[in-house]
């Protein structure tokens, strides 16, 4: 199934990322485990604060020209 075929509410002019759609598709296979891992990485024990990790993620996203 292609991401464009998922049944998500369509809102004109609203950007919907592929990763957002992937997280909703078959949550038991990908979305759930990936979300749990992401929370552990971004909010789990670390020498970096949550804010530093968010800033790093935002910087990498901007360098890769990613819209989030």
Protein backbone atom coordinates (compact mmCIF):
# COMPACT_ATOMS: atom_id res chain seq x y z
CA UNK A 1 0.00 0.00 0.00
CA UNK A 2 1.34 3.41 -0.91
CA UNK A 3 1.31 6.18 1.70
CA UNK A 4 -0.94 8.34 -0.48
CA UNK A 5 -3.62 5.66 -0.25
CA UNK A 6 -3.92 5.78 3.54
CA UNK A 7 -7.24 6.96 4.83
CA UNK A 8 -6.25 10.17 6.58
CA UNK A 9 -8.36 13.31 6.78
CA UNK A 10 -7.29 15.58 3.95
CA UNK A 11 -6.93 19.21 4.87
CA UNK A 12 -6.21 21.58 1.97
CA UNK A 13 -2.88 23.35 2.34
CA UNK A 14 -1.71 21.22 5.28
CA UNK A 15 1.63 19.45 4.81
CA UNK A 16 1.53 15.78 5.80
CA UNK A 17 4.97 14.21 6.05
CA UNK A 18 5.74 10.71 4.85
CA UNK A 19 7.07 9.77 8.30
CA UNK A 20 3.80 10.89 9.87
CA UNK A 21 1.92 8.62 7.52
CA UNK A 22 4.37 5.77 8.08
CA UNK A 23 3.88 6.02 11.85
CA UNK A 24 0.13 5.61 11.38
CA UNK A 25 0.39 2.69 8.93
CA UNK A 26 0.51 -0.69 10.73
CA UNK A 27 1.37 0.78 14.11
CA UNK A 28 2.05 -2.66 15.59
CA UNK A 29 4.78 -3.32 13.01
CA UNK A 30 6.52 0.04 12.67
CA UNK A 31 4.76 3.05 14.18
CA UNK A 32 4.53 1.81 17.77
CA UNK A 33 8.08 0.42 18.16
CA UNK A 34 9.62 3.38 16.29
CA UNK A 35 7.73 5.89 18.45
CA UNK A 36 8.90 4.13 21.62
CA UNK A 37 12.51 4.17 20.40
CA UNK A 38 12.25 7.83 19.45
CA UNK A 39 10.94 8.73 22.91
CA UNK A 40 13.79 6.81 24.54
CA UNK A 41 16.38 8.55 22.37
CA UNK A 42 14.91 12.04 22.78
CA UNK A 43 13.80 11.83 26.43
CA UNK A 44 15.75 8.97 28.00
CA UNK A 45 18.89 9.19 30.13
CA UNK A 46 21.66 11.22 28.47
CA UNK A 47 24.40 13.74 29.12
CA UNK A 48 22.48 16.06 26.79
CA UNK A 49 19.34 17.85 27.92
CA UNK A 50 16.08 17.28 26.06
CA UNK A 51 16.43 20.80 24.64
CA UNK A 52 19.92 20.08 23.31
CA UNK A 53 18.67 16.91 21.63
CA UNK A 54 15.74 18.81 20.09
CA UNK A 55 18.12 21.51 18.84
CA UNK A 56 20.42 18.88 17.33
CA UNK A 57 17.45 17.19 15.60
CA UNK A 58 16.25 20.56 14.25
CA UNK A 59 19.74 21.38 12.94
CA UNK A 60 20.09 18.02 11.19
CA UNK A 61 16.60 18.39 9.70
CA UNK A 62 17.44 21.85 8.36
CA UNK A 63 20.74 20.67 6.86
CA UNK A 64 18.88 17.82 5.13
CA UNK A 65 16.20 20.30 3.99
CA UNK A 66 13.56 18.39 5.92
CA UNK A 67 10.41 20.42 6.66
CA UNK A 68 10.02 19.38 10.30
